């Protein structure tokens, strides 16, 4: 018989950005909390979406070591650097293989190319030396002690070429940034068909019928209920599409979205998206 799988989530707290102006509501610009997921069997484990900074990665090293599990794979759901810049260090520490879809690997290279002007500018001296060492997932799945962990490509969400990891045996989807949980969504890449494409990505996740979803950005005070997180992610996109038609400038759009969603963490993410959407 195969062992029963479990999962645990480490949420890295928000960190301030360097040299950026305050958000219009007076908040300091910061980076949203990051969710790192460990899916475990009796002996082995798979990590999903390693963190970004040296300090976050060190904390995750300690967290994995305390689990006592043998880390076999590190899976990256999408190419944004905050979800994989610590992968090389973790792979070297635990002897794990880093894997992703070919589309995500291409996006990882793009994020590495802009690292100096974007990521390092926001977090100078905080990101480890890294490289894209991910290999393509073989046959769209990982095996963990006899259980299938299925890689599902869903297209555009808050960036291009995103994927999720479906663990049918425990009704779990680790959704990266396709689904959000109590955090303002990153709309910076939602131009054109972006919001409609994101809805299609959510459709793909919903078709898997999970009971629990781990999101890439999560308010750690909230649970992982799939129905709620899917519904709330959709509601945010519906509101954004509606308000983009009403307002002709970033500040009014930001204010209206903040009025609709006052309890979500990190309004700075919303403001960054608003500025990009209004050009």
Protein backbone atom coordinates (compact mmCIF):
# COMPACT_ATOMS: atom_id res chain seq x y z
CA UNK A 1 0.00 0.00 0.00
CA UNK A 2 1.10 3.56 -0.67
CA UNK A 3 1.56 5.96 2.21
CA UNK A 4 -0.90 8.75 2.91
CA UNK A 5 0.25 12.16 1.75
CA UNK A 6 0.11 15.32 3.83
CA UNK A 7 0.96 18.93 3.11
CA UNK A 8 2.31 21.87 5.09
CA UNK A 9 2.62 25.52 4.14
CA UNK A 10 5.32 27.98 5.17
CA UNK A 11 4.20 31.59 4.69
CA UNK A 12 7.05 34.07 4.38
CA UNK A 13 5.94 37.43 5.76
CA UNK A 14 5.83 40.57 3.57
CA UNK A 15 9.14 42.40 3.12
CA UNK A 16 9.59 46.12 2.32
CA UNK A 17 10.71 47.23 -1.11
CA UNK A 18 13.74 49.48 -1.47
CA UNK A 19 13.49 53.03 -2.75
CA UNK A 20 9.83 53.09 -3.77
CA UNK A 21 7.31 55.81 -2.97
CA UNK A 22 4.47 55.24 -0.55
CA UNK A 23 1.22 53.78 -1.82
CA UNK A 24 -1.48 56.50 -2.25
CA UNK A 25 -3.27 55.26 0.88
CA UNK A 26 -0.09 55.90 2.88
CA UNK A 27 1.20 52.31 3.10
CA UNK A 28 4.85 51.53 2.53
CA UNK A 29 5.47 49.51 -0.62
CA UNK A 30 6.16 45.89 0.27
CA UNK A 31 6.16 42.47 -1.33
CA UNK A 32 3.21 40.19 -0.70
CA UNK A 33 3.51 37.18 1.64
CA UNK A 34 4.81 34.08 -0.12
CA UNK A 35 3.48 30.54 0.30
CA UNK A 36 5.91 27.62 0.10
CA UNK A 37 4.31 24.16 0.13
CA UNK A 38 5.80 20.84 1.25
CA UNK A 39 3.90 17.74 0.13
CA UNK A 40 5.09 14.74 2.13
CA UNK A 41 4.83 10.98 2.16
CA UNK A 42 6.25 8.75 4.85
CA UNK A 43 9.85 9.36 3.83
CA UNK A 44 10.01 11.65 0.78
CA UNK A 45 8.67 15.10 -0.03
CA UNK A 46 8.18 17.56 -2.90
CA UNK A 47 8.52 21.31 -2.44
CA UNK A 48 6.44 23.74 -4.51
CA UNK A 49 7.53 27.33 -5.22
CA UNK A 50 10.69 28.08 -3.23
CA UNK A 51 11.04 31.65 -1.94
CA UNK A 52 13.04 34.63 -3.15
CA UNK A 53 15.49 36.09 -0.65
CA UNK A 54 18.51 34.74 1.20
CA UNK A 55 16.74 35.09 4.56
CA UNK A 56 13.53 33.43 3.32
CA UNK A 57 15.50 30.57 1.80
CA UNK A 58 17.46 30.00 5.03
CA UNK A 59 14.20 29.79 6.96
CA UNK A 60 12.78 27.30 4.47
CA UNK A 61 15.96 25.19 4.70
CA UNK A 62 15.41 24.93 8.46
CA UNK A 63 11.72 24.16 7.95
CA UNK A 64 12.41 21.32 5.50
CA UNK A 65 15.21 19.92 7.65
CA UNK A 66 12.91 19.89 10.68
CA UNK A 67 10.40 17.80 8.73
CA UNK A 68 12.93 14.96 8.47
CA UNK A 69 11.83 14.25 4.90
CA UNK A 70 14.00 13.43 1.90
CA UNK A 71 13.34 16.20 -0.62
CA UNK A 72 13.23 14.66 -4.11
CA UNK A 73 11.87 17.49 -6.28
CA UNK A 74 11.30 21.23 -6.27
CA UNK A 75 8.45 22.25 -8.57
CA UNK A 76 8.05 25.83 -9.84
CA UNK A 77 4.55 26.88 -10.92
CA UNK A 78 5.50 30.01 -12.91
CA UNK A 79 8.39 32.23 -13.83
CA UNK A 80 8.11 35.20 -11.44
CA UNK A 81 11.38 35.33 -9.50
CA UNK A 82 9.73 35.50 -6.09
CA UNK A 83 8.65 31.87 -6.57
CA UNK A 84 12.00 30.35 -7.54
CA UNK A 85 15.09 32.50 -6.91
CA UNK A 86 15.92 30.31 -3.88
CA UNK A 87 15.63 27.08 -5.88
CA UNK A 88 19.32 26.58 -6.67
CA UNK A 89 20.34 26.86 -3.03
CA UNK A 90 17.61 24.49 -1.86
CA UNK A 91 18.45 21.97 -4.59
CA UNK A 92 22.11 21.98 -3.59
CA UNK A 93 21.30 21.68 0.10
CA UNK A 94 18.92 18.74 -0.23
CA UNK A 95 20.02 17.07 -3.47
CA UNK A 96 16.62 17.69 -5.06
CA UNK A 97 15.82 18.14 -8.76
CA UNK A 98 14.19 21.42 -9.83
CA UNK A 99 11.43 20.90 -12.39
CA UNK A 100 8.89 23.02 -14.25
CA UNK A 101 7.05 23.12 -17.54
CA UNK A 102 8.97 24.28 -20.64
CA UNK A 103 6.85 27.44 -20.74
CA UNK A 104 7.65 28.26 -17.12
CA UNK A 105 11.35 27.60 -17.73
CA UNK A 106 11.28 30.16 -20.57
CA UNK A 107 9.66 32.68 -18.22
CA UNK A 108 12.26 31.93 -15.56
CA UNK A 109 14.98 32.90 -18.04
CA UNK A 110 13.15 36.17 -18.76
CA UNK A 111 12.95 36.98 -15.05
CA UNK A 112 16.62 36.19 -14.59
CA UNK A 113 17.43 38.54 -17.48
CA UNK A 114 15.67 41.46 -15.75
CA UNK A 115 16.92 40.57 -12.30
CA UNK A 116 19.48 43.38 -12.02
CA UNK A 117 17.14 46.17 -13.15
CA UNK A 118 13.98 44.92 -11.44
CA UNK A 119 14.36 42.34 -8.68
CA UNK A 120 17.74 43.50 -7.33
CA UNK A 121 16.59 47.12 -7.49
CA UNK A 122 13.67 46.26 -5.19
CA UNK A 123 15.70 44.00 -2.88
CA UNK A 124 19.39 44.96 -3.15
CA UNK A 125 21.74 42.41 -1.64
CA UNK A 126 18.88 40.19 -0.51
CA UNK A 127 18.55 37.70 -3.39
CA UNK A 128 20.93 34.72 -3.56
CA UNK A 129 23.21 33.96 -6.48
CA UNK A 130 21.07 31.78 -8.70
CA UNK A 131 20.60 30.33 -12.15
CA UNK A 132 17.83 28.56 -14.05
CA UNK A 133 18.56 24.91 -13.33
CA UNK A 134 15.02 23.60 -13.81
CA UNK A 135 14.43 20.64 -16.09
CA UNK A 136 11.13 19.91 -17.87
CA UNK A 137 8.68 17.71 -15.99
CA UNK A 138 8.60 14.24 -17.57
CA UNK A 139 5.16 13.11 -18.80
CA UNK A 140 3.44 15.91 -16.89
CA UNK A 141 3.66 14.30 -13.46
CA UNK A 142 5.82 13.64 -10.45
CA UNK A 143 5.63 10.49 -8.35
CA UNK A 144 5.68 10.70 -4.57
CA UNK A 145 5.69 7.29 -2.89
CA UNK A 146 3.24 5.86 -5.40
CA UNK A 147 1.02 8.95 -5.60
CA UNK A 148 0.69 11.00 -8.78
CA UNK A 149 1.35 14.73 -8.55
CA UNK A 150 -0.04 16.01 -11.83
CA UNK A 151 1.25 19.15 -13.51
CA UNK A 152 -1.57 21.06 -15.19
CA UNK A 153 -0.73 23.91 -17.55
CA UNK A 154 -3.33 26.68 -17.37
CA UNK A 155 -1.89 29.50 -19.51
CA UNK A 156 -1.98 33.12 -18.39
CA UNK A 157 -2.89 34.07 -14.81
CA UNK A 158 -0.92 36.93 -13.24
CA UNK A 159 1.80 36.10 -15.78
CA UNK A 160 2.25 33.90 -18.85
CA UNK A 161 2.85 30.14 -18.97
CA UNK A 162 1.59 29.27 -15.51
CA UNK A 163 0.84 25.83 -14.13
CA UNK A 164 -0.56 24.20 -11.00
CA UNK A 165 0.22 20.96 -9.17
CA UNK A 166 -2.77 18.67 -8.60
CA UNK A 167 -2.56 16.03 -5.87
CA UNK A 168 -5.73 13.94 -6.38
CA UNK A 169 -5.15 11.60 -3.43
CA UNK A 170 -5.66 14.47 -0.96
CA UNK A 171 -7.93 16.72 -3.11
CA UNK A 172 -5.26 19.41 -3.18
CA UNK A 173 -4.17 21.91 -5.80
CA UNK A 174 -1.05 24.00 -5.24
CA UNK A 175 -2.05 26.86 -7.48
CA UNK A 176 0.81 29.33 -7.48
CA UNK A 177 -0.57 32.71 -8.54
CA UNK A 178 -3.61 31.40 -10.41
CA UNK A 179 -5.59 31.71 -7.17
CA UNK A 180 -5.07 34.30 -4.40
CA UNK A 181 -6.09 34.09 -0.75
CA UNK A 182 -6.75 37.36 1.07
CA UNK A 183 -4.01 39.31 -0.77
CA UNK A 184 -4.39 41.95 -3.49
CA UNK A 185 -3.88 40.36 -6.89
CA UNK A 186 -1.02 41.30 -9.21
CA UNK A 187 -2.64 42.95 -12.23
CA UNK A 188 0.50 44.36 -13.81
CA UNK A 189 0.33 41.85 -16.70
CA UNK A 190 -3.47 41.97 -17.16
CA UNK A 191 -3.48 44.18 -20.25
CA UNK A 192 -5.49 43.15 -23.31
CA UNK A 193 -7.03 39.72 -22.83
CA UNK A 194 -5.24 39.21 -19.52
CA UNK A 195 -8.25 39.21 -17.21
CA UNK A 196 -10.29 36.92 -19.49
CA UNK A 197 -7.31 34.56 -19.81
CA UNK A 198 -6.96 34.52 -16.02
CA UNK A 199 -10.61 33.48 -15.72
CA UNK A 200 -9.88 30.58 -18.08
CA UNK A 201 -6.98 29.54 -15.86
CA UNK A 202 -9.32 29.56 -12.87
CA UNK A 203 -11.77 27.43 -14.87
CA UNK A 204 -9.00 24.86 -15.33
CA UNK A 205 -8.31 24.75 -11.59
CA UNK A 206 -12.00 24.51 -10.74
CA UNK A 207 -12.41 21.58 -13.15
CA UNK A 208 -10.03 19.57 -10.93
CA UNK A 209 -12.61 19.76 -8.08
CA UNK A 210 -10.12 20.27 -5.24
CA UNK A 211 -11.31 20.72 -1.69
CA UNK A 212 -8.17 22.66 -0.71
CA UNK A 213 -6.02 25.12 -2.61
CA UNK A 214 -2.68 26.54 -1.54
CA UNK A 215 -2.22 29.92 -3.18
CA UNK A 216 1.08 31.58 -4.04
CA UNK A 217 0.18 34.63 -1.96
CA UNK A 218 -1.82 33.93 1.17
CA UNK A 219 -2.99 35.66 4.31
CA UNK A 220 -1.77 33.08 6.81
CA UNK A 221 -4.77 33.75 9.04
CA UNK A 222 -7.04 32.20 6.37
CA UNK A 223 -7.72 28.53 5.59
CA UNK A 224 -7.20 26.80 2.23
CA UNK A 225 -10.86 26.26 1.32
CA UNK A 226 -11.00 25.80 -2.45
CA UNK A 227 -14.50 27.10 -3.04
CA UNK A 228 -13.89 30.34 -1.18
CA UNK A 229 -10.49 31.10 -2.70
CA UNK A 230 -11.75 30.43 -6.24
CA UNK A 231 -14.82 32.59 -5.72
CA UNK A 232 -12.87 35.46 -4.17
CA UNK A 233 -10.21 35.40 -6.90
CA UNK A 234 -12.93 35.56 -9.56
CA UNK A 235 -14.74 38.36 -7.73
CA UNK A 236 -11.57 40.45 -7.70
CA UNK A 237 -11.09 40.05 -11.44
CA UNK A 238 -14.74 40.83 -12.17
CA UNK A 239 -14.48 44.01 -10.11
CA UNK A 240 -11.22 45.00 -11.81
CA UNK A 241 -12.73 44.58 -15.28
CA UNK A 242 -15.81 46.60 -14.28
CA UNK A 243 -13.85 49.44 -12.67
CA UNK A 244 -11.33 49.69 -15.51
CA UNK A 245 -14.24 50.66 -17.76
CA UNK A 246 -15.49 53.29 -15.32
CA UNK A 247 -12.29 55.06 -14.29
CA UNK A 248 -9.81 56.81 -16.55
CA UNK A 249 -6.83 57.03 -14.20
CA UNK A 250 -4.83 54.76 -11.90
CA UNK A 251 -5.62 56.59 -8.66
CA UNK A 252 -9.39 56.44 -9.06
CA UNK A 253 -9.21 52.78 -10.05
CA UNK A 254 -6.97 52.00 -7.07
CA UNK A 255 -9.28 53.82 -4.66
CA UNK A 256 -12.37 52.08 -6.01
CA UNK A 257 -10.75 48.64 -5.77
CA UNK A 258 -9.57 49.37 -2.25
CA UNK A 259 -13.12 50.32 -1.30
CA UNK A 260 -14.36 46.98 -2.69
CA UNK A 261 -11.62 44.91 -1.03
CA UNK A 262 -10.52 46.73 2.14
CA UNK A 263 -9.41 43.62 4.01
CA UNK A 264 -6.92 42.24 1.49
CA UNK A 265 -3.23 42.43 2.32
CA UNK A 266 -0.72 44.59 0.46
CA UNK A 267 -2.47 47.45 -1.37
CA UNK A 268 0.93 48.18 -2.91
CA UNK A 269 0.48 45.23 -5.25
CA UNK A 270 -2.81 46.74 -6.41
CA UNK A 271 -1.21 50.15 -6.90
CA UNK A 272 1.63 48.70 -8.98
CA UNK A 273 -0.89 46.96 -11.20
CA UNK A 274 -3.02 50.10 -11.52
CA UNK A 275 -0.05 52.19 -12.65
CA UNK A 276 0.87 49.58 -15.27
CA UNK A 277 -2.68 49.18 -16.56
CA UNK A 278 -3.11 52.92 -17.07
CA UNK A 279 0.32 53.29 -18.62
